[in-house]
Amino acid sequence: MPATNIKAVVSSGTNLRAKTVAIAPRQSLLDLTDVNPTGLTDGAVLLYDSASQQFLVKNEMDKATTKIIGGNY
């Protein structure tokens, strides 16, 4: 089915209904170009590394500036 450009004017109070819904194929975090999966193991977390501008898979958080704040209970 070729792509179609649709132009419309919608006024307030108008109910909209989609006639077609397209669902993208399932994707993984590892499909993202800024996620480096090196070191991926059970229990690992993603940490952002500003030097490489990537999210790195880590088993340990070894930066003194990393804080985990769990809220108030």
PDB file of N, CA and C in Angstrom:
ATOM      1  N   MET A   1       0.847  -1.171   0.000  1.00  0.00           N
ATOM      2  CA  MET A   1       0.000   0.000   0.000  1.00  0.00           C
ATOM      3  C   MET A   1       0.896   1.239   0.000  1.00  0.00           C
ATOM      4  N   PRO A   2       0.753   2.149  -0.957  1.00  0.00           N
ATOM      5  CA  PRO A   2       1.609   3.329  -1.004  1.00  0.00           C
ATOM      6  C   PRO A   2       1.286   4.297   0.129  1.00  0.00           C
ATOM      7  N   ALA A   3       2.304   5.059   0.531  1.00  0.00           N
ATOM      8  CA  ALA A   3       2.114   6.052   1.589  1.00  0.00           C
ATOM      9  C   ALA A   3       1.170   7.135   1.091  1.00  0.00           C
ATOM     10  N   THR A   4       0.336   7.635   1.980  1.00  0.00           N
ATOM     11  CA  THR A   4      -0.626   8.662   1.629  1.00  0.00           C
ATOM     12  C   THR A   4      -0.466   9.828   2.585  1.00  0.00           C
ATOM     13  N   ASN A   5      -0.412  11.024   2.045  1.00  0.00           N
ATOM     14  CA  ASN A   5      -0.400  12.215   2.886  1.00  0.00           C
ATOM     15  C   ASN A   5      -1.835  12.632   3.135  1.00  0.00           C
ATOM     16  N   ILE A   6      -2.171  12.854   4.381  1.00  0.00           N
ATOM     17  CA  ILE A   6      -3.527  13.234   4.745  1.00  0.00           C
ATOM     18  C   ILE A   6      -3.474  14.626   5.354  1.00  0.00           C
ATOM     19  N   LYS A   7      -4.309  15.499   4.848  1.00  0.00           N
ATOM     20  CA  LYS A   7      -4.426  16.842   5.401  1.00  0.00           C
ATOM     21  C   LYS A   7      -5.839  16.988   5.919  1.00  0.00           C
ATOM     22  N   ALA A   8      -5.965  17.593   7.108  1.00  0.00           N
ATOM     23  CA  ALA A   8      -7.286  17.741   7.690  1.00  0.00           C
ATOM     24  C   ALA A   8      -7.304  18.929   8.638  1.00  0.00           C
ATOM     25  N   VAL A   9      -8.493  19.398   8.896  1.00  0.00           N
ATOM     26  CA  VAL A   9      -8.711  20.439   9.901  1.00  0.00           C
ATOM     27  C   VAL A   9      -9.592  19.799  10.966  1.00  0.00           C
ATOM     28  N   VAL A  10      -9.157  19.870  12.214  1.00  0.00           N
ATOM     29  CA  VAL A  10      -9.899  19.264  13.309  1.00  0.00           C
ATOM     30  C   VAL A  10     -10.314  20.370  14.264  1.00  0.00           C
ATOM     31  N   SER A  11     -11.593  20.451  14.515  1.00  0.00           N
ATOM     32  CA  SER A  11     -12.071  21.456  15.460  1.00  0.00           C
ATOM     33  C   SER A  11     -12.253  20.813  16.825  1.00  0.00           C
ATOM     34  N   SER A  12     -12.261  21.639  17.863  1.00  0.00           N
ATOM     35  CA  SER A  12     -12.397  21.098  19.217  1.00  0.00           C
ATOM     36  C   SER A  12     -13.736  20.393  19.354  1.00  0.00           C
ATOM     37  N   GLY A  13     -13.744  19.357  20.129  1.00  0.00           N
ATOM     38  CA  GLY A  13     -14.954  18.583  20.353  1.00  0.00           C
ATOM     39  C   GLY A  13     -15.185  17.500  19.310  1.00  0.00           C
ATOM     40  N   THR A  14     -14.312  17.425  18.309  1.00  0.00           N
ATOM     41  CA  THR A  14     -14.447  16.408  17.272  1.00  0.00           C
ATOM     42  C   THR A  14     -13.813  15.111  17.750  1.00  0.00           C
ATOM     43  N   ASN A  15     -14.534  14.014  17.645  1.00  0.00           N
ATOM     44  CA  ASN A  15     -13.986  12.709  18.003  1.00  0.00           C
ATOM     45  C   ASN A  15     -13.237  12.144  16.805  1.00  0.00           C
ATOM     46  N   LEU A  16     -12.038  11.671  17.031  1.00  0.00           N
ATOM     47  CA  LEU A  16     -11.242  11.081  15.969  1.00  0.00           C
ATOM     48  C   LEU A  16     -11.168   9.576  16.174  1.00  0.00           C
ATOM     49  N   ARG A  17     -11.174   8.829  15.074  1.00  0.00           N
ATOM     50  CA  ARG A  17     -11.061   7.387  15.162  1.00  0.00           C
ATOM     51  C   ARG A  17     -10.086   6.923  14.079  1.00  0.00           C
ATOM     52  N   ALA A  18      -9.120   6.126  14.479  1.00  0.00           N
ATOM     53  CA  ALA A  18      -8.156   5.589  13.515  1.00  0.00           C
ATOM     54  C   ALA A  18      -8.791   4.436  12.768  1.00  0.00           C
ATOM     55  N   LYS A  19      -8.661   4.455  11.450  1.00  0.00           N
ATOM     56  CA  LYS A  19      -9.181   3.364  10.639  1.00  0.00           C
ATOM     57  C   LYS A  19      -8.130   2.279  10.451  1.00  0.00           C
ATOM     58  N   THR A  20      -6.847   2.678  10.535  1.00  0.00           N
ATOM     59  CA  THR A  20      -5.757   1.730  10.363  1.00  0.00           C
ATOM     60  C   THR A  20      -4.728   1.977  11.450  1.00  0.00           C
ATOM     61  N   VAL A  21      -4.270   0.928  12.063  1.00  0.00           N
ATOM     62  CA  VAL A  21      -3.225   1.031  13.075  1.00  0.00           C
ATOM     63  C   VAL A  21      -2.083   0.127  12.639  1.00  0.00           C
ATOM     64  N   ALA A  22      -0.898   0.711  12.524  1.00  0.00           N
ATOM     65  CA  ALA A  22       0.281  -0.075  12.153  1.00  0.00           C
ATOM     66  C   ALA A  22       1.160  -0.237  13.390  1.00  0.00           C
ATOM     67  N   ILE A  23       1.542  -1.439  13.672  1.00  0.00           N
ATOM     68  CA  ILE A  23       2.393  -1.728  14.821  1.00  0.00           C
ATOM     69  C   ILE A  23       3.760  -2.142  14.302  1.00  0.00           C
ATOM     70  N   ALA A  24       4.780  -1.453  14.794  1.00  0.00           N
ATOM     71  CA  ALA A  24       6.149  -1.736  14.350  1.00  0.00           C
ATOM     72  C   ALA A  24       6.598  -3.094  14.873  1.00  0.00           C
ATOM     73  N   PRO A  25       7.534  -3.717  14.182  1.00  0.00           N
ATOM     74  CA  PRO A  25       8.060  -4.990  14.670  1.00  0.00           C
ATOM     75  C   PRO A  25       8.738  -4.817  16.034  1.00  0.00           C
ATOM     76  N   ARG A  26       8.762  -5.867  16.803  1.00  0.00           N
ATOM     77  CA  ARG A  26       9.377  -5.846  18.128  1.00  0.00           C
ATOM     78  C   ARG A  26      10.839  -5.450  18.018  1.00  0.00           C
ATOM     79  N   GLN A  27      11.281  -4.577  18.922  1.00  0.00           N
ATOM     80  CA  GLN A  27      12.666  -4.146  18.935  1.00  0.00           C
ATOM     81  C   GLN A  27      13.252  -4.362  20.317  1.00  0.00           C
ATOM     82  N   SER A  28      14.556  -4.296  20.390  1.00  0.00           N
ATOM     83  CA  SER A  28      15.292  -4.505  21.627  1.00  0.00           C
ATOM     84  C   SER A  28      16.125  -3.262  21.928  1.00  0.00           C
ATOM     85  N   LEU A  29      16.439  -3.042  23.181  1.00  0.00           N
ATOM     86  CA  LEU A  29      17.363  -1.956  23.534  1.00  0.00           C
ATOM     87  C   LEU A  29      18.688  -2.120  22.811  1.00  0.00           C
ATOM     88  N   LEU A  30      19.075  -3.358  22.570  1.00  0.00           N
ATOM     89  CA  LEU A  30      20.354  -3.620  21.912  1.00  0.00           C
ATOM     90  C   LEU A  30      20.338  -3.232  20.436  1.00  0.00           C
ATOM     91  N   ASP A  31      19.146  -2.942  19.880  1.00  0.00           N
ATOM     92  CA  ASP A  31      19.048  -2.466  18.504  1.00  0.00           C
ATOM     93  C   ASP A  31      19.435  -0.992  18.384  1.00  0.00           C
ATOM     94  N   LEU A  32      19.458  -0.286  19.499  1.00  0.00           N
ATOM     95  CA  LEU A  32      19.792   1.139  19.480  1.00  0.00           C
ATOM     96  C   LEU A  32      21.287   1.328  19.254  1.00  0.00           C
ATOM     97  N   THR A  33      21.645   2.331  18.484  1.00  0.00           N
ATOM     98  CA  THR A  33      23.052   2.542  18.133  1.00  0.00           C
ATOM     99  C   THR A  33      23.870   3.116  19.285  1.00  0.00           C
ATOM    100  N   ASP A  34      23.211   3.681  20.297  1.00  0.00           N
ATOM    101  CA  ASP A  34      23.968   4.248  21.410  1.00  0.00           C
ATOM    102  C   ASP A  34      23.963   3.357  22.653  1.00  0.00           C
ATOM    103  N   VAL A  35      23.687   2.077  22.464  1.00  0.00           N
ATOM    104  CA  VAL A  35      23.750   1.100  23.558  1.00  0.00           C
ATOM    105  C   VAL A  35      24.851   0.100  23.218  1.00  0.00           C
ATOM    106  N   ASN A  36      25.854   0.033  24.086  1.00  0.00           N
ATOM    107  CA  ASN A  36      26.974  -0.889  23.900  1.00  0.00           C
ATOM    108  C   ASN A  36      26.726  -2.121  24.774  1.00  0.00           C
ATOM    109  N   PRO A  37      26.415  -3.279  24.177  1.00  0.00           N
ATOM    110  CA  PRO A  37      26.049  -4.459  24.956  1.00  0.00           C
ATOM    111  C   PRO A  37      27.230  -5.253  25.516  1.00  0.00           C
ATOM    112  N   THR A  38      28.453  -4.779  25.332  1.00  0.00           N
ATOM    113  CA  THR A  38      29.615  -5.498  25.848  1.00  0.00           C
ATOM    114  C   THR A  38      29.467  -5.684  27.358  1.00  0.00           C
ATOM    115  N   GLY A  39      29.621  -6.897  27.828  1.00  0.00           N
ATOM    116  CA  GLY A  39      29.500  -7.179  29.263  1.00  0.00           C
ATOM    117  C   GLY A  39      28.096  -7.533  29.691  1.00  0.00           C
ATOM    118  N   LEU A  40      27.212  -7.775  28.743  1.00  0.00           N
ATOM    119  CA  LEU A  40      25.825  -8.094  29.073  1.00  0.00           C
ATOM    120  C   LEU A  40      25.735  -9.429  29.808  1.00  0.00           C
ATOM    121  N   THR A  41      25.272  -9.378  31.049  1.00  0.00           N
ATOM    122  CA  THR A  41      25.045 -10.573  31.853  1.00  0.00           C
ATOM    123  C   THR A  41      23.784 -10.377  32.680  1.00  0.00           C
ATOM    124  N   ASP A  42      23.335 -11.426  33.296  1.00  0.00           N
ATOM    125  CA  ASP A  42      22.147 -11.374  34.148  1.00  0.00           C
ATOM    126  C   ASP A  42      22.365 -10.381  35.283  1.00  0.00           C
ATOM    127  N   GLY A  43      21.435  -9.461  35.473  1.00  0.00           N
ATOM    128  CA  GLY A  43      21.513  -8.486  36.557  1.00  0.00           C
ATOM    129  C   GLY A  43      22.224  -7.196  36.184  1.00  0.00           C
ATOM    130  N   ALA A  44      22.726  -7.077  34.967  1.00  0.00           N
ATOM    131  CA  ALA A  44      23.443  -5.872  34.546  1.00  0.00           C
ATOM    132  C   ALA A  44      22.471  -4.705  34.380  1.00  0.00           C
ATOM    133  N   VAL A  45      22.997  -3.486  34.472  1.00  0.00           N
ATOM    134  CA  VAL A  45      22.208  -2.265  34.294  1.00  0.00           C
ATOM    135  C   VAL A  45      22.852  -1.405  33.217  1.00  0.00           C
ATOM    136  N   LEU A  46      22.088  -0.463  32.676  1.00  0.00           N
ATOM    137  CA  LEU A  46      22.618   0.486  31.703  1.00  0.00           C
ATOM    138  C   LEU A  46      23.041   1.760  32.415  1.00  0.00           C
ATOM    139  N   LEU A  47      24.258   2.196  32.152  1.00  0.00           N
ATOM    140  CA  LEU A  47      24.770   3.456  32.694  1.00  0.00           C
ATOM    141  C   LEU A  47      25.243   4.305  31.527  1.00  0.00           C
ATOM    142  N   TYR A  48      24.941   5.598  31.568  1.00  0.00           N
ATOM    143  CA  TYR A  48      25.355   6.480  30.479  1.00  0.00           C
ATOM    144  C   TYR A  48      26.790   6.933  30.702  1.00  0.00           C
ATOM    145  N   ASP A  49      27.593   6.871  29.638  1.00  0.00           N
ATOM    146  CA  ASP A  49      28.984   7.315  29.666  1.00  0.00           C
ATOM    147  C   ASP A  49      29.102   8.527  28.748  1.00  0.00           C
ATOM    148  N   SER A  50      29.308   9.707  29.328  1.00  0.00           N
ATOM    149  CA  SER A  50      29.345  10.929  28.528  1.00  0.00           C
ATOM    150  C   SER A  50      30.562  10.974  27.606  1.00  0.00           C
ATOM    151  N   ALA A  51      31.664  10.334  27.966  1.00  0.00           N
ATOM    152  CA  ALA A  51      32.865  10.336  27.119  1.00  0.00           C
ATOM    153  C   ALA A  51      32.599   9.631  25.790  1.00  0.00           C
ATOM    154  N   SER A  52      31.910   8.485  25.825  1.00  0.00           N
ATOM    155  CA  SER A  52      31.622   7.740  24.596  1.00  0.00           C
ATOM    156  C   SER A  52      30.247   8.080  24.025  1.00  0.00           C
ATOM    157  N   GLN A  53      29.445   8.810  24.795  1.00  0.00           N
ATOM    158  CA  GLN A  53      28.069   9.152  24.431  1.00  0.00           C
ATOM    159  C   GLN A  53      27.257   7.902  24.117  1.00  0.00           C
ATOM    160  N   GLN A  54      27.462   6.883  24.961  1.00  0.00           N
ATOM    161  CA  GLN A  54      26.733   5.624  24.828  1.00  0.00           C
ATOM    162  C   GLN A  54      26.258   5.165  26.198  1.00  0.00           C
ATOM    163  N   PHE A  55      25.261   4.310  26.169  1.00  0.00           N
ATOM    164  CA  PHE A  55      24.846   3.610  27.373  1.00  0.00           C
ATOM    165  C   PHE A  55      25.649   2.319  27.418  1.00  0.00           C
ATOM    166  N   LEU A  56      26.326   2.074  28.534  1.00  0.00           N
ATOM    167  CA  LEU A  56      27.167   0.898  28.697  1.00  0.00           C
ATOM    168  C   LEU A  56      26.493  -0.082  29.645  1.00  0.00           C
ATOM    169  N   VAL A  57      26.668  -1.359  29.386  1.00  0.00           N
ATOM    170  CA  VAL A  57      26.149  -2.407  30.256  1.00  0.00           C
ATOM    171  C   VAL A  57      27.173  -2.644  31.355  1.00  0.00           C
ATOM    172  N   LYS A  58      26.741  -2.511  32.605  1.00  0.00           N
ATOM    173  CA  LYS A  58      27.652  -2.653  33.740  1.00  0.00           C
ATOM    174  C   LYS A  58      27.039  -3.545  34.813  1.00  0.00           C
ATOM    175  N   ASN A  59      27.912  -4.273  35.492  1.00  0.00           N
ATOM    176  CA  ASN A  59      27.488  -5.054  36.660  1.00  0.00           C
ATOM    177  C   ASN A  59      27.768  -4.309  37.950  1.00  0.00           C
ATOM    178  N   GLU A  60      28.621  -3.305  37.881  1.00  0.00           N
ATOM    179  CA  GLU A  60      28.975  -2.518  39.057  1.00  0.00           C
ATOM    180  C   GLU A  60      28.894  -1.036  38.720  1.00  0.00           C
ATOM    181  N   MET A  61      28.457  -0.251  39.693  1.00  0.00           N
ATOM    182  CA  MET A  61      28.448   1.196  39.545  1.00  0.00           C
ATOM    183  C   MET A  61      29.645   1.719  40.317  1.00  0.00           C
ATOM    184  N   ASP A  62      30.695   2.085  39.594  1.00  0.00           N
ATOM    185  CA  ASP A  62      31.947   2.429  40.257  1.00  0.00           C
ATOM    186  C   ASP A  62      32.288   3.919  40.237  1.00  0.00           C
ATOM    187  N   LYS A  63      31.335   4.779  39.898  1.00  0.00           N
ATOM    188  CA  LYS A  63      31.581   6.218  39.914  1.00  0.00           C
ATOM    189  C   LYS A  63      31.051   6.812  41.207  1.00  0.00           C
ATOM    190  N   ALA A  64      31.855   7.626  41.824  1.00  0.00           N
ATOM    191  CA  ALA A  64      31.446   8.258  43.087  1.00  0.00           C
ATOM    192  C   ALA A  64      30.267   9.203  42.891  1.00  0.00           C
ATOM    193  N   THR A  65      30.071   9.691  41.682  1.00  0.00           N
ATOM    194  CA  THR A  65      28.986  10.641  41.420  1.00  0.00           C
ATOM    195  C   THR A  65      27.642   9.968  41.161  1.00  0.00           C
ATOM    196  N   THR A  66      27.627   8.643  41.050  1.00  0.00           N
ATOM    197  CA  THR A  66      26.369   7.924  40.814  1.00  0.00           C
ATOM    198  C   THR A  66      25.606   7.792  42.121  1.00  0.00           C
ATOM    199  N   LYS A  67      24.375   8.257  42.119  1.00  0.00           N
ATOM    200  CA  LYS A  67      23.528   8.170  43.307  1.00  0.00           C
ATOM    201  C   LYS A  67      22.250   7.433  42.958  1.00  0.00           C
ATOM    202  N   ILE A  68      21.823   6.562  43.839  1.00  0.00           N
ATOM    203  CA  ILE A  68      20.546   5.883  43.676  1.00  0.00           C
ATOM    204  C   ILE A  68      19.641   6.398  44.782  1.00  0.00           C
ATOM    205  N   ILE A  69      18.619   7.108  44.377  1.00  0.00           N
ATOM    206  CA  ILE A  69      17.690   7.684  45.354  1.00  0.00           C
ATOM    207  C   ILE A  69      16.370   6.970  45.190  1.00  0.00           C
ATOM    208  N   GLY A  70      15.976   6.237  46.207  1.00  0.00           N
ATOM    209  CA  GLY A  70      14.775   5.399  46.126  1.00  0.00           C
ATOM    210  C   GLY A  70      13.501   6.047  46.617  1.00  0.00           C
ATOM    211  N   GLY A  71      13.556   7.316  46.984  1.00  0.00           N
ATOM    212  CA  GLY A  71      12.348   8.003  47.434  1.00  0.00           C
ATOM    213  C   GLY A  71      12.179   7.913  48.942  1.00  0.00           C
ATOM    214  N   ASN A  72      11.015   8.318  49.395  1.00  0.00           N
ATOM    215  CA  ASN A  72      10.686   8.324  50.831  1.00  0.00           C
ATOM    216  C   ASN A  72       9.654   7.261  51.125  1.00  0.00           C
ATOM    217  N   TYR A  73       9.854   6.545  52.218  1.00  0.00           N
ATOM    218  CA  TYR A  73       8.926   5.493  52.591  1.00  0.00           C
ATOM    219  C   TYR A  73       8.448   5.698  54.007  1.00  0.00           C
TER     220      TYR A  73
END
